[in-house]
mmCIF file of all heavy atoms, coordinates in Angstrom:
data_MODEL
# 
_entry.id   MODEL 
# 
loop_
_atom_site.group_PDB 
_atom_site.id 
_atom_site.type_symbol 
_atom_site.label_atom_id 
_atom_site.label_alt_id 
_atom_site.label_comp_id 
_atom_site.label_asym_id 
_atom_site.label_entity_id 
_atom_site.label_seq_id 
_atom_site.pdbx_PDB_ins_code 
_atom_site.Cartn_x 
_atom_site.Cartn_y 
_atom_site.Cartn_z 
_atom_site.occupancy 
_atom_site.B_iso_or_equiv 
_atom_site.pdbx_formal_charge 
_atom_site.auth_seq_id 
_atom_site.auth_comp_id 
_atom_site.auth_asym_id 
_atom_site.auth_atom_id 
_atom_site.pdbx_PDB_model_num 
ATOM 1   N N   . LYS A 1 1  ? -9.328  16.639 -8.470  1.00 0.00 ? 1  LYS A N   1 
ATOM 2   C CA  . LYS A 1 1  ? -8.236  17.607 -8.596  1.00 0.00 ? 1  LYS A CA  1 
ATOM 3   C C   . LYS A 1 1  ? -7.113  17.348 -7.596  1.00 0.00 ? 1  LYS A C   1 
ATOM 4   O O   . LYS A 1 1  ? -6.080  18.000 -7.618  1.00 0.00 ? 1  LYS A O   1 
ATOM 5   C CB  . LYS A 1 1  ? -8.770  19.035 -8.394  1.00 0.00 ? 1  LYS A CB  1 
ATOM 6   C CG  . LYS A 1 1  ? -9.843  19.447 -9.415  1.00 0.00 ? 1  LYS A CG  1 
ATOM 7   C CD  . LYS A 1 1  ? -10.358 20.849 -9.115  1.00 0.00 ? 1  LYS A CD  1 
ATOM 8   C CE  . LYS A 1 1  ? -11.520 21.229 -10.032 1.00 0.00 ? 1  LYS A CE  1 
ATOM 9   N NZ  . LYS A 1 1  ? -11.098 21.368 -11.428 1.00 0.00 ? 1  LYS A NZ  1 
ATOM 10  N N   . LEU A 1 2  ? -7.353  16.406 -6.663  1.00 0.00 ? 2  LEU A N   1 
ATOM 11  C CA  . LEU A 1 2  ? -6.368  16.104 -5.620  1.00 0.00 ? 2  LEU A CA  1 
ATOM 12  C C   . LEU A 1 2  ? -5.678  14.774 -5.914  1.00 0.00 ? 2  LEU A C   1 
ATOM 13  O O   . LEU A 1 2  ? -6.238  13.911 -6.588  1.00 0.00 ? 2  LEU A O   1 
ATOM 14  C CB  . LEU A 1 2  ? -7.065  16.000 -4.260  1.00 0.00 ? 2  LEU A CB  1 
ATOM 15  C CG  . LEU A 1 2  ? -7.778  17.247 -3.733  1.00 0.00 ? 2  LEU A CG  1 
ATOM 16  C CD1 . LEU A 1 2  ? -8.580  16.894 -2.490  1.00 0.00 ? 2  LEU A CD1 1 
ATOM 17  C CD2 . LEU A 1 2  ? -6.794  18.354 -3.417  1.00 0.00 ? 2  LEU A CD2 1 
ATOM 18  N N   . PRO A 1 3  ? -4.461  14.597 -5.385  1.00 0.00 ? 3  PRO A N   1 
ATOM 19  C CA  . PRO A 1 3  ? -3.819  13.274 -5.495  1.00 0.00 ? 3  PRO A CA  1 
ATOM 20  C C   . PRO A 1 3  ? -4.719  12.220 -4.853  1.00 0.00 ? 3  PRO A C   1 
ATOM 21  O O   . PRO A 1 3  ? -5.258  12.445 -3.765  1.00 0.00 ? 3  PRO A O   1 
ATOM 22  C CB  . PRO A 1 3  ? -2.514  13.456 -4.693  1.00 0.00 ? 3  PRO A CB  1 
ATOM 23  C CG  . PRO A 1 3  ? -2.255  14.927 -4.715  1.00 0.00 ? 3  PRO A CG  1 
ATOM 24  C CD  . PRO A 1 3  ? -3.584  15.590 -4.724  1.00 0.00 ? 3  PRO A CD  1 
ATOM 25  N N   . LYS A 1 4  ? -4.897  11.098 -5.527  1.00 0.00 ? 4  LYS A N   1 
ATOM 26  C CA  . LYS A 1 4  ? -5.873  10.091 -5.120  1.00 0.00 ? 4  LYS A CA  1 
ATOM 27  C C   . LYS A 1 4  ? -5.691  9.622  -3.679  1.00 0.00 ? 4  LYS A C   1 
ATOM 28  O O   . LYS A 1 4  ? -6.647  9.572  -2.898  1.00 0.00 ? 4  LYS A O   1 
ATOM 29  C CB  . LYS A 1 4  ? -5.774  8.893  -6.073  1.00 0.00 ? 4  LYS A CB  1 
ATOM 30  C CG  . LYS A 1 4  ? -6.917  7.912  -5.918  1.00 0.00 ? 4  LYS A CG  1 
ATOM 31  C CD  . LYS A 1 4  ? -6.846  6.844  -6.996  1.00 0.00 ? 4  LYS A CD  1 
ATOM 32  C CE  . LYS A 1 4  ? -8.008  5.870  -6.851  1.00 0.00 ? 4  LYS A CE  1 
ATOM 33  N NZ  . LYS A 1 4  ? -7.964  4.807  -7.886  1.00 0.00 ? 4  LYS A NZ  1 
ATOM 34  N N   . GLU A 1 5  ? -4.471  9.313  -3.309  1.00 0.00 ? 5  GLU A N   1 
ATOM 35  C CA  . GLU A 1 5  ? -4.204  8.796  -1.957  1.00 0.00 ? 5  GLU A CA  1 
ATOM 36  C C   . GLU A 1 5  ? -4.471  9.851  -0.893  1.00 0.00 ? 5  GLU A C   1 
ATOM 37  O O   . GLU A 1 5  ? -5.055  9.576  0.153   1.00 0.00 ? 5  GLU A O   1 
ATOM 38  C CB  . GLU A 1 5  ? -2.754  8.303  -1.854  1.00 0.00 ? 5  GLU A CB  1 
ATOM 39  C CG  . GLU A 1 5  ? -2.479  7.582  -0.546  1.00 0.00 ? 5  GLU A CG  1 
ATOM 40  C CD  . GLU A 1 5  ? -1.065  7.038  -0.459  1.00 0.00 ? 5  GLU A CD  1 
ATOM 41  O OE1 . GLU A 1 5  ? -0.362  7.002  -1.490  1.00 0.00 ? 5  GLU A OE1 1 
ATOM 42  O OE2 . GLU A 1 5  ? -0.671  6.652  0.641   1.00 0.00 ? 5  GLU A OE2 1 
ATOM 43  N N   . GLU A 1 6  ? -4.064  11.107 -1.176  1.00 0.00 ? 6  GLU A N   1 
ATOM 44  C CA  . GLU A 1 6  ? -4.265  12.187 -0.204  1.00 0.00 ? 6  GLU A CA  1 
ATOM 45  C C   . GLU A 1 6  ? -5.756  12.487 -0.015  1.00 0.00 ? 6  GLU A C   1 
ATOM 46  O O   . GLU A 1 6  ? -6.197  12.775 1.100   1.00 0.00 ? 6  GLU A O   1 
ATOM 47  C CB  . GLU A 1 6  ? -3.515  13.446 -0.658  1.00 0.00 ? 6  GLU A CB  1 
ATOM 48  C CG  . GLU A 1 6  ? -2.005  13.281 -0.568  1.00 0.00 ? 6  GLU A CG  1 
ATOM 49  C CD  . GLU A 1 6  ? -1.265  14.574 -0.875  1.00 0.00 ? 6  GLU A CD  1 
ATOM 50  O OE1 . GLU A 1 6  ? -1.925  15.621 -0.994  1.00 0.00 ? 6  GLU A OE1 1 
ATOM 51  O OE2 . GLU A 1 6  ? -0.026  14.520 -0.998  1.00 0.00 ? 6  GLU A OE2 1 
ATOM 52  N N   . ALA A 1 7  ? -6.520  12.439 -1.091  1.00 0.00 ? 7  ALA A N   1 
ATOM 53  C CA  . ALA A 1 7  ? -7.966  12.669 -1.001  1.00 0.00 ? 7  ALA A CA  1 
ATOM 54  C C   . ALA A 1 7  ? -8.621  11.587 -0.140  1.00 0.00 ? 7  ALA A C   1 
ATOM 55  O O   . ALA A 1 7  ? -9.481  11.871 0.709   1.00 0.00 ? 7  ALA A O   1 
ATOM 56  C CB  . ALA A 1 7  ? -8.585  12.683 -2.392  1.00 0.00 ? 7  ALA A CB  1 
ATOM 57  N N   . PHE A 1 8  ? -8.184  10.336 -0.351  1.00 0.00 ? 8  PHE A N   1 
ATOM 58  C CA  . PHE A 1 8  ? -8.725  9.215  0.418   1.00 0.00 ? 8  PHE A CA  1 
ATOM 59  C C   . PHE A 1 8  ? -8.418  9.375  1.910   1.00 0.00 ? 8  PHE A C   1 
ATOM 60  O O   . PHE A 1 8  ? -9.292  9.201  2.762   1.00 0.00 ? 8  PHE A O   1 
ATOM 61  C CB  . PHE A 1 8  ? -8.136  7.899  -0.102  1.00 0.00 ? 8  PHE A CB  1 
ATOM 62  C CG  . PHE A 1 8  ? -8.476  6.701  0.736   1.00 0.00 ? 8  PHE A CG  1 
ATOM 63  C CD1 . PHE A 1 8  ? -9.723  6.101  0.630   1.00 0.00 ? 8  PHE A CD1 1 
ATOM 64  C CD2 . PHE A 1 8  ? -7.544  6.186  1.641   1.00 0.00 ? 8  PHE A CD2 1 
ATOM 65  C CE1 . PHE A 1 8  ? -10.050 4.995  1.411   1.00 0.00 ? 8  PHE A CE1 1 
ATOM 66  C CE2 . PHE A 1 8  ? -7.864  5.089  2.427   1.00 0.00 ? 8  PHE A CE2 1 
ATOM 67  C CZ  . PHE A 1 8  ? -9.122  4.492  2.308   1.00 0.00 ? 8  PHE A CZ  1 
ATOM 68  N N   . LEU A 1 9  ? -7.170  9.715  2.226   1.00 0.00 ? 9  LEU A N   1 
ATOM 69  C CA  . LEU A 1 9  ? -6.756  9.873  3.631   1.00 0.00 ? 9  LEU A CA  1 
ATOM 70  C C   . LEU A 1 9  ? -7.471  11.038 4.306   1.00 0.00 ? 9  LEU A C   1 
ATOM 71  O O   . LEU A 1 9  ? -7.861  10.953 5.473   1.00 0.00 ? 9  LEU A O   1 
ATOM 72  C CB  . LEU A 1 9  ? -5.245  10.065 3.707   1.00 0.00 ? 9  LEU A CB  1 
ATOM 73  C CG  . LEU A 1 9  ? -4.384  8.846  3.352   1.00 0.00 ? 9  LEU A CG  1 
ATOM 74  C CD1 . LEU A 1 9  ? -2.913  9.214  3.283   1.00 0.00 ? 9  LEU A CD1 1 
ATOM 75  C CD2 . LEU A 1 9  ? -4.608  7.712  4.362   1.00 0.00 ? 9  LEU A CD2 1 
ATOM 76  N N   . LEU A 1 10 ? -7.676  12.131 3.560   1.00 0.00 ? 10 LEU A N   1 
ATOM 77  C CA  . LEU A 1 10 ? -8.350  13.304 4.111   1.00 0.00 ? 10 LEU A CA  1 
ATOM 78  C C   . LEU A 1 10 ? -9.816  12.980 4.421   1.00 0.00 ? 10 LEU A C   1 
ATOM 79  O O   . LEU A 1 10 ? -10.343 13.356 5.472   1.00 0.00 ? 10 LEU A O   1 
ATOM 80  C CB  . LEU A 1 10 ? -8.250  14.478 3.133   1.00 0.00 ? 10 LEU A CB  1 
ATOM 81  C CG  . LEU A 1 10 ? -8.753  15.846 3.632   1.00 0.00 ? 10 LEU A CG  1 
ATOM 82  C CD1 . LEU A 1 10 ? -8.114  16.231 4.957   1.00 0.00 ? 10 LEU A CD1 1 
ATOM 83  C CD2 . LEU A 1 10 ? -8.492  16.914 2.579   1.00 0.00 ? 10 LEU A CD2 1 
ATOM 84  N N   . LYS A 1 11 ? -10.449 12.263 3.506   1.00 0.00 ? 11 LYS A N   1 
ATOM 85  C CA  . LYS A 1 11 ? -11.848 11.856 3.723   1.00 0.00 ? 11 LYS A CA  1 
ATOM 86  C C   . LYS A 1 11 ? -11.960 10.955 4.953   1.00 0.00 ? 11 LYS A C   1 
ATOM 87  O O   . LYS A 1 11 ? -12.862 11.128 5.781   1.00 0.00 ? 11 LYS A O   1 
ATOM 88  C CB  . LYS A 1 11 ? -12.376 11.106 2.489   1.00 0.00 ? 11 LYS A CB  1 
ATOM 89  C CG  . LYS A 1 11 ? -12.935 12.011 1.407   1.00 0.00 ? 11 LYS A CG  1 
ATOM 90  C CD  . LYS A 1 11 ? -13.287 11.245 0.153   1.00 0.00 ? 11 LYS A CD  1 
ATOM 91  C CE  . LYS A 1 11 ? -14.422 10.300 0.349   1.00 0.00 ? 11 LYS A CE  1 
ATOM 92  N NZ  . LYS A 1 11 ? -14.814 9.601  -0.904  1.00 0.00 ? 11 LYS A NZ  1 
ATOM 93  N N   . LYS A 1 12 ? -11.041 10.013 5.056   1.00 0.00 ? 12 LYS A N   1 
ATOM 94  C CA  . LYS A 1 12 ? -11.069 9.074  6.183   1.00 0.00 ? 12 LYS A CA  1 
ATOM 95  C C   . LYS A 1 12 ? -10.848 9.811  7.510   1.00 0.00 ? 12 LYS A C   1 
ATOM 96  O O   . LYS A 1 12 ? -11.498 9.517  8.513   1.00 0.00 ? 12 LYS A O   1 
ATOM 97  C CB  . LYS A 1 12 ? -9.993  8.006  5.979   1.00 0.00 ? 12 LYS A CB  1 
ATOM 98  C CG  . LYS A 1 12 ? -10.124 6.826  6.929   1.00 0.00 ? 12 LYS A CG  1 
ATOM 99  C CD  . LYS A 1 12 ? -9.408  5.629  6.374   1.00 0.00 ? 12 LYS A CD  1 
ATOM 100 C CE  . LYS A 1 12 ? -9.627  4.393  7.234   1.00 0.00 ? 12 LYS A CE  1 
ATOM 101 N NZ  . LYS A 1 12 ? -11.017 3.931  7.247   1.00 0.00 ? 12 LYS A NZ  1 
ATOM 102 N N   . GLU A 1 13 ? -9.952  10.779 7.495   1.00 0.00 ? 13 GLU A N   1 
ATOM 103 C CA  . GLU A 1 13 ? -9.664  11.560 8.708   1.00 0.00 ? 13 GLU A CA  1 
ATOM 104 C C   . GLU A 1 13 ? -10.910 12.313 9.175   1.00 0.00 ? 13 GLU A C   1 
ATOM 105 O O   . GLU A 1 13 ? -11.236 12.319 10.365  1.00 0.00 ? 13 GLU A O   1 
ATOM 106 C CB  . GLU A 1 13 ? -8.531  12.552 8.407   1.00 0.00 ? 13 GLU A CB  1 
ATOM 107 C CG  . GLU A 1 13 ? -8.140  13.415 9.602   1.00 0.00 ? 13 GLU A CG  1 
ATOM 108 C CD  . GLU A 1 13 ? -7.149  14.512 9.223   1.00 0.00 ? 13 GLU A CD  1 
ATOM 109 O OE1 . GLU A 1 13 ? -6.515  14.426 8.145   1.00 0.00 ? 13 GLU A OE1 1 
ATOM 110 O OE2 . GLU A 1 13 ? -7.026  15.475 10.001  1.00 0.00 ? 13 GLU A OE2 1 
ATOM 111 N N   . ILE A 1 14 ? -11.592 12.958 8.237   1.00 0.00 ? 14 ILE A N   1 
ATOM 112 C CA  . ILE A 1 14 ? -12.798 13.729 8.582   1.00 0.00 ? 14 ILE A CA  1 
ATOM 113 C C   . ILE A 1 14 ? -13.901 12.796 9.066   1.00 0.00 ? 14 ILE A C   1 
ATOM 114 O O   . ILE A 1 14 ? -14.598 13.103 10.037  1.00 0.00 ? 14 ILE A O   1 
ATOM 115 C CB  . ILE A 1 14 ? -13.278 14.566 7.374   1.00 0.00 ? 14 ILE A CB  1 
ATOM 116 C CG1 . ILE A 1 14 ? -12.273 15.669 7.091   1.00 0.00 ? 14 ILE A CG1 1 
ATOM 117 C CG2 . ILE A 1 14 ? -14.654 15.169 7.636   1.00 0.00 ? 14 ILE A CG2 1 
ATOM 118 C CD1 . ILE A 1 14 ? -12.499 16.408 5.812   1.00 0.00 ? 14 ILE A CD1 1 
ATOM 119 N N   . GLU A 1 15 ? -14.074 11.672 8.399   1.00 0.00 ? 15 GLU A N   1 
ATOM 120 C CA  . GLU A 1 15 ? -15.110 10.707 8.800   1.00 0.00 ? 15 GLU A CA  1 
ATOM 121 C C   . GLU A 1 15 ? -14.884 10.244 10.234  1.00 0.00 ? 15 GLU A C   1 
ATOM 122 O O   . GLU A 1 15 ? -15.821 10.181 11.037  1.00 0.00 ? 15 GLU A O   1 
ATOM 123 C CB  . GLU A 1 15 ? -15.099 9.506  7.856   1.00 0.00 ? 15 GLU A CB  1 
ATOM 124 C CG  . GLU A 1 15 ? -15.761 9.784  6.522   1.00 0.00 ? 15 GLU A CG  1 
ATOM 125 C CD  . GLU A 1 15 ? -15.621 8.608  5.558   1.00 0.00 ? 15 GLU A CD  1 
ATOM 126 O OE1 . GLU A 1 15 ? -14.971 7.614  5.939   1.00 0.00 ? 15 GLU A OE1 1 
ATOM 127 O OE2 . GLU A 1 15 ? -16.152 8.700  4.437   1.00 0.00 ? 15 GLU A OE2 1 
ATOM 128 N N   . GLU A 1 16 ? -13.635 9.934  10.567  1.00 0.00 ? 16 GLU A N   1 
ATOM 129 C CA  . GLU A 1 16 ? -13.317 9.442  11.911  1.00 0.00 ? 16 GLU A CA  1 
ATOM 130 C C   . GLU A 1 16 ? -13.560 10.518 12.968  1.00 0.00 ? 16 GLU A C   1 
ATOM 131 O O   . GLU A 1 16 ? -14.126 10.241 14.035  1.00 0.00 ? 16 GLU A O   1 
ATOM 132 C CB  . GLU A 1 16 ? -11.869 8.957  11.969  1.00 0.00 ? 16 GLU A CB  1 
ATOM 133 C CG  . GLU A 1 16 ? -11.664 7.635  11.225  1.00 0.00 ? 16 GLU A CG  1 
ATOM 134 C CD  . GLU A 1 16 ? -10.199 7.215  11.150  1.00 0.00 ? 16 GLU A CD  1 
ATOM 135 O OE1 . GLU A 1 16 ? -9.332  7.991  11.617  1.00 0.00 ? 16 GLU A OE1 1 
ATOM 136 O OE2 . GLU A 1 16 ? -9.927  6.118  10.611  1.00 0.00 ? 16 GLU A OE2 1 
ATOM 137 N N   . LYS A 1 17 ? -13.145 11.751 12.667  1.00 0.00 ? 17 LYS A N   1 
ATOM 138 C CA  . LYS A 1 17 ? -13.360 12.853 13.618  1.00 0.00 ? 17 LYS A CA  1 
ATOM 139 C C   . LYS A 1 17 ? -14.844 13.132 13.811  1.00 0.00 ? 17 LYS A C   1 
ATOM 140 O O   . LYS A 1 17 ? -15.310 13.358 14.929  1.00 0.00 ? 17 LYS A O   1 
ATOM 141 C CB  . LYS A 1 17 ? -12.656 14.121 13.119  1.00 0.00 ? 17 LYS A CB  1 
ATOM 142 C CG  . LYS A 1 17 ? -11.157 14.114 13.295  1.00 0.00 ? 17 LYS A CG  1 
ATOM 143 C CD  . LYS A 1 17 ? -10.554 15.428 12.831  1.00 0.00 ? 17 LYS A CD  1 
ATOM 144 C CE  . LYS A 1 17 ? -9.041  15.447 13.046  1.00 0.00 ? 17 LYS A CE  1 
ATOM 145 N NZ  . LYS A 1 17 ? -8.451  16.727 12.560  1.00 0.00 ? 17 LYS A NZ  1 
ATOM 146 N N   . ALA A 1 18 ? -15.594 13.128 12.705  1.00 0.00 ? 18 ALA A N   1 
ATOM 147 C CA  . ALA A 1 18 ? -17.032 13.395 12.767  1.00 0.00 ? 18 ALA A CA  1 
ATOM 148 C C   . ALA A 1 18 ? -17.750 12.327 13.576  1.00 0.00 ? 18 ALA A C   1 
ATOM 149 O O   . ALA A 1 18 ? -18.605 12.634 14.422  1.00 0.00 ? 18 ALA A O   1 
ATOM 150 C CB  . ALA A 1 18 ? -17.614 13.473 11.353  1.00 0.00 ? 18 ALA A CB  1 
ATOM 151 N N   . LYS A 1 19 ? -17.399 11.054 13.333  1.00 0.00 ? 19 LYS A N   1 
ATOM 152 C CA  . LYS A 1 19 ? -18.034 9.951  14.061  1.00 0.00 ? 19 LYS A CA  1 
ATOM 153 C C   . LYS A 1 19 ? -17.736 10.036 15.557  1.00 0.00 ? 19 LYS A C   1 
ATOM 154 O O   . LYS A 1 19 ? -18.605 9.752  16.395  1.00 0.00 ? 19 LYS A O   1 
ATOM 155 C CB  . LYS A 1 19 ? -17.552 8.605  13.508  1.00 0.00 ? 19 LYS A CB  1 
ATOM 156 C CG  . LYS A 1 19 ? -18.165 8.256  12.160  1.00 0.00 ? 19 LYS A CG  1 
ATOM 157 C CD  . LYS A 1 19 ? -17.588 6.965  11.596  1.00 0.00 ? 19 LYS A CD  1 
ATOM 158 C CE  . LYS A 1 19 ? -18.172 6.653  10.225  1.00 0.00 ? 19 LYS A CE  1 
ATOM 159 N NZ  . LYS A 1 19 ? -17.573 5.447  9.618   1.00 0.00 ? 19 LYS A NZ  1 
ATOM 160 N N   . GLU A 1 20 ? -16.502 10.427 15.886  1.00 0.00 ? 20 GLU A N   1 
ATOM 161 C CA  . GLU A 1 20 ? -16.120 10.563 17.304  1.00 0.00 ? 20 GLU A CA  1 
ATOM 162 C C   . GLU A 1 20 ? -16.938 11.653 17.985  1.00 0.00 ? 20 GLU A C   1 
ATOM 163 O O   . GLU A 1 20 ? -17.444 11.469 19.098  1.00 0.00 ? 20 GLU A O   1 
ATOM 164 C CB  . GLU A 1 20 ? -14.620 10.891 17.396  1.00 0.00 ? 20 GLU A CB  1 
ATOM 165 C CG  . GLU A 1 20 ? -14.114 10.913 18.829  1.00 0.00 ? 20 GLU A CG  1 
ATOM 166 C CD  . GLU A 1 20 ? -12.635 11.253 18.917  1.00 0.00 ? 20 GLU A CD  1 
ATOM 167 O OE1 . GLU A 1 20 ? -11.958 11.308 17.857  1.00 0.00 ? 20 GLU A OE1 1 
ATOM 168 O OE2 . GLU A 1 20 ? -12.153 11.467 20.040  1.00 0.00 ? 20 GLU A OE2 1 
ATOM 169 N N   . ILE A 1 21 ? -17.082 12.808 17.307  1.00 0.00 ? 21 ILE A N   1 
ATOM 170 C CA  . ILE A 1 21 ? -17.864 13.914 17.874  1.00 0.00 ? 21 ILE A CA  1 
ATOM 171 C C   . ILE A 1 21 ? -19.319 13.494 18.063  1.00 0.00 ? 21 ILE A C   1 
ATOM 172 O O   . ILE A 1 21 ? -19.930 13.740 19.107  1.00 0.00 ? 21 ILE A O   1 
ATOM 173 C CB  . ILE A 1 21 ? -17.802 15.165 16.962  1.00 0.00 ? 21 ILE A CB  1 
ATOM 174 C CG1 . ILE A 1 21 ? -16.417 15.792 17.037  1.00 0.00 ? 21 ILE A CG1 1 
ATOM 175 C CG2 . ILE A 1 21 ? -18.851 16.201 17.359  1.00 0.00 ? 21 ILE A CG2 1 
ATOM 176 C CD1 . ILE A 1 21 ? -16.204 16.920 16.057  1.00 0.00 ? 21 ILE A CD1 1 
ATOM 177 N N   . LEU A 1 22 ? -19.882 12.849 17.060  1.00 0.00 ? 22 LEU A N   1 
ATOM 178 C CA  . LEU A 1 22 ? -21.278 12.444 17.122  1.00 0.00 ? 22 LEU A CA  1 
ATOM 179 C C   . LEU A 1 22 ? -21.524 11.423 18.238  1.00 0.00 ? 22 LEU A C   1 
ATOM 180 O O   . LEU A 1 22 ? -22.562 11.464 18.905  1.00 0.00 ? 22 LEU A O   1 
ATOM 181 C CB  . LEU A 1 22 ? -21.720 11.863 15.776  1.00 0.00 ? 22 LEU A CB  1 
ATOM 182 C CG  . LEU A 1 22 ? -21.837 12.883 14.635  1.00 0.00 ? 22 LEU A CG  1 
ATOM 183 C CD1 . LEU A 1 22 ? -21.967 12.173 13.298  1.00 0.00 ? 22 LEU A CD1 1 
ATOM 184 C CD2 . LEU A 1 22 ? -23.028 13.808 14.864  1.00 0.00 ? 22 LEU A CD2 1 
ATOM 185 N N   . GLU A 1 23 ? -20.576 10.529 18.436  1.00 0.00 ? 23 GLU A N   1 
ATOM 186 C CA  . GLU A 1 23 ? -20.722 9.549  19.511  1.00 0.00 ? 23 GLU A CA  1 
ATOM 187 C C   . GLU A 1 23 ? -20.631 10.232 20.872  1.00 0.00 ? 23 GLU A C   1 
ATOM 188 O O   . GLU A 1 23 ? -21.383 9.899  21.802  1.00 0.00 ? 23 GLU A O   1 
ATOM 189 C CB  . GLU A 1 23 ? -19.642 8.458  19.391  1.00 0.00 ? 23 GLU A CB  1 
ATOM 190 C CG  . GLU A 1 23 ? -19.842 7.280  20.337  1.00 0.00 ? 23 GLU A CG  1 
ATOM 191 C CD  . GLU A 1 23 ? -21.239 6.694  20.312  1.00 0.00 ? 23 GLU A CD  1 
ATOM 192 O OE1 . GLU A 1 23 ? -21.827 6.547  19.218  1.00 0.00 ? 23 GLU A OE1 1 
ATOM 193 O OE2 . GLU A 1 23 ? -21.757 6.396  21.412  1.00 0.00 ? 23 GLU A OE2 1 
ATOM 194 N N   . ASN A 1 24 ? -19.718 11.206 21.008  1.00 0.00 ? 24 ASN A N   1 
ATOM 195 C CA  . ASN A 1 24 ? -19.595 11.969 22.260  1.00 0.00 ? 24 ASN A CA  1 
ATOM 196 C C   . ASN A 1 24 ? -20.872 12.760 22.560  1.00 0.00 ? 24 ASN A C   1 
ATOM 197 O O   . ASN A 1 24 ? -21.334 12.824 23.699  1.00 0.00 ? 24 ASN A O   1 
ATOM 198 C CB  . ASN A 1 24 ? -18.403 12.935 22.191  1.00 0.00 ? 24 ASN A CB  1 
ATOM 199 C CG  . ASN A 1 24 ? -17.078 12.196 22.223  1.00 0.00 ? 24 ASN A CG  1 
ATOM 200 O OD1 . ASN A 1 24 ? -17.007 11.053 22.669  1.00 0.00 ? 24 ASN A OD1 1 
ATOM 201 N ND2 . ASN A 1 24 ? -16.024 12.833 21.743  1.00 0.00 ? 24 ASN A ND2 1 
ATOM 202 N N   . ILE A 1 25 ? -21.445 13.354 21.488  1.00 0.00 ? 25 ILE A N   1 
ATOM 203 C CA  . ILE A 1 25 ? -22.706 14.098 21.641  1.00 0.00 ? 25 ILE A CA  1 
ATOM 204 C C   . ILE A 1 25 ? -23.804 13.148 22.098  1.00 0.00 ? 25 ILE A C   1 
ATOM 205 O O   . ILE A 1 25 ? -24.581 13.463 23.008  1.00 0.00 ? 25 ILE A O   1 
ATOM 206 C CB  . ILE A 1 25 ? -23.132 14.750 20.299  1.00 0.00 ? 25 ILE A CB  1 
ATOM 207 C CG1 . ILE A 1 25 ? -22.168 15.855 19.911  1.00 0.00 ? 25 ILE A CG1 1 
ATOM 208 C CG2 . ILE A 1 25 ? -24.544 15.319 20.391  1.00 0.00 ? 25 ILE A CG2 1 
ATOM 209 C CD1 . ILE A 1 25 ? -22.380 16.359 18.496  1.00 0.00 ? 25 ILE A CD1 1 
ATOM 210 N N   . ASN A 1 26 ? -23.850 11.989 21.480  1.00 0.00 ? 26 ASN A N   1 
ATOM 211 C CA  . ASN A 1 26 ? -24.879 11.003 21.811  1.00 0.00 ? 26 ASN A CA  1 
ATOM 212 C C   . ASN A 1 26 ? -24.820 10.630 23.295  1.00 0.00 ? 26 ASN A C   1 
ATOM 213 O O   . ASN A 1 26 ? -25.851 10.640 23.983  1.00 0.00 ? 26 ASN A O   1 
ATOM 214 C CB  . ASN A 1 26 ? -24.685 9.756  20.945  1.00 0.00 ? 26 ASN A CB  1 
ATOM 215 C CG  . ASN A 1 26 ? -25.736 8.696  21.200  1.00 0.00 ? 26 ASN A CG  1 
ATOM 216 O OD1 . ASN A 1 26 ? -26.922 8.942  21.062  1.00 0.00 ? 26 ASN A OD1 1 
ATOM 217 N ND2 . ASN A 1 26 ? -25.304 7.515  21.601  1.00 0.00 ? 26 ASN A ND2 1 
ATOM 218 N N   . VAL A 1 27 ? -23.620 10.333 23.788  1.00 0.00 ? 27 VAL A N   1 
ATOM 219 C CA  . VAL A 1 27 ? -23.453 9.933  25.194  1.00 0.00 ? 27 VAL A CA  1 
ATOM 220 C C   . VAL A 1 27 ? -23.785 11.099 26.120  1.00 0.00 ? 27 VAL A C   1 
ATOM 221 O O   . VAL A 1 27 ? -24.534 10.949 27.102  1.00 0.00 ? 27 VAL A O   1 
ATOM 222 C CB  . VAL A 1 27 ? -22.009 9.438  25.448  1.00 0.00 ? 27 VAL A CB  1 
ATOM 223 C CG1 . VAL A 1 27 ? -21.783 9.190  26.930  1.00 0.00 ? 27 VAL A CG1 1 
ATOM 224 C CG2 . VAL A 1 27 ? -21.736 8.172  24.641  1.00 0.00 ? 27 VAL A CG2 1 
ATOM 225 N N   . SER A 1 28 ? -23.242 12.284 25.820  1.00 0.00 ? 28 SER A N   1 
ATOM 226 C CA  . SER A 1 28 ? -23.443 13.463 26.673  1.00 0.00 ? 28 SER A CA  1 
ATOM 227 C C   . SER A 1 28 ? -24.903 13.876 26.743  1.00 0.00 ? 28 SER A C   1 
ATOM 228 O O   . SER A 1 28 ? -25.456 14.074 27.823  1.00 0.00 ? 28 SER A O   1 
ATOM 229 C CB  . SER A 1 28 ? -22.652 14.654 26.121  1.00 0.00 ? 28 SER A CB  1 
ATOM 230 O OG  . SER A 1 28 ? -21.483 14.822 26.816  1.00 0.00 ? 28 SER A OG  1 
# 
């Protein structure tokens, strides 16, 4: 239901933020 490019960018943004949080949790 979303524009293809915007959906892709939104998914990538969330993936990057999630991975960053998880790595910070891992170290801490």
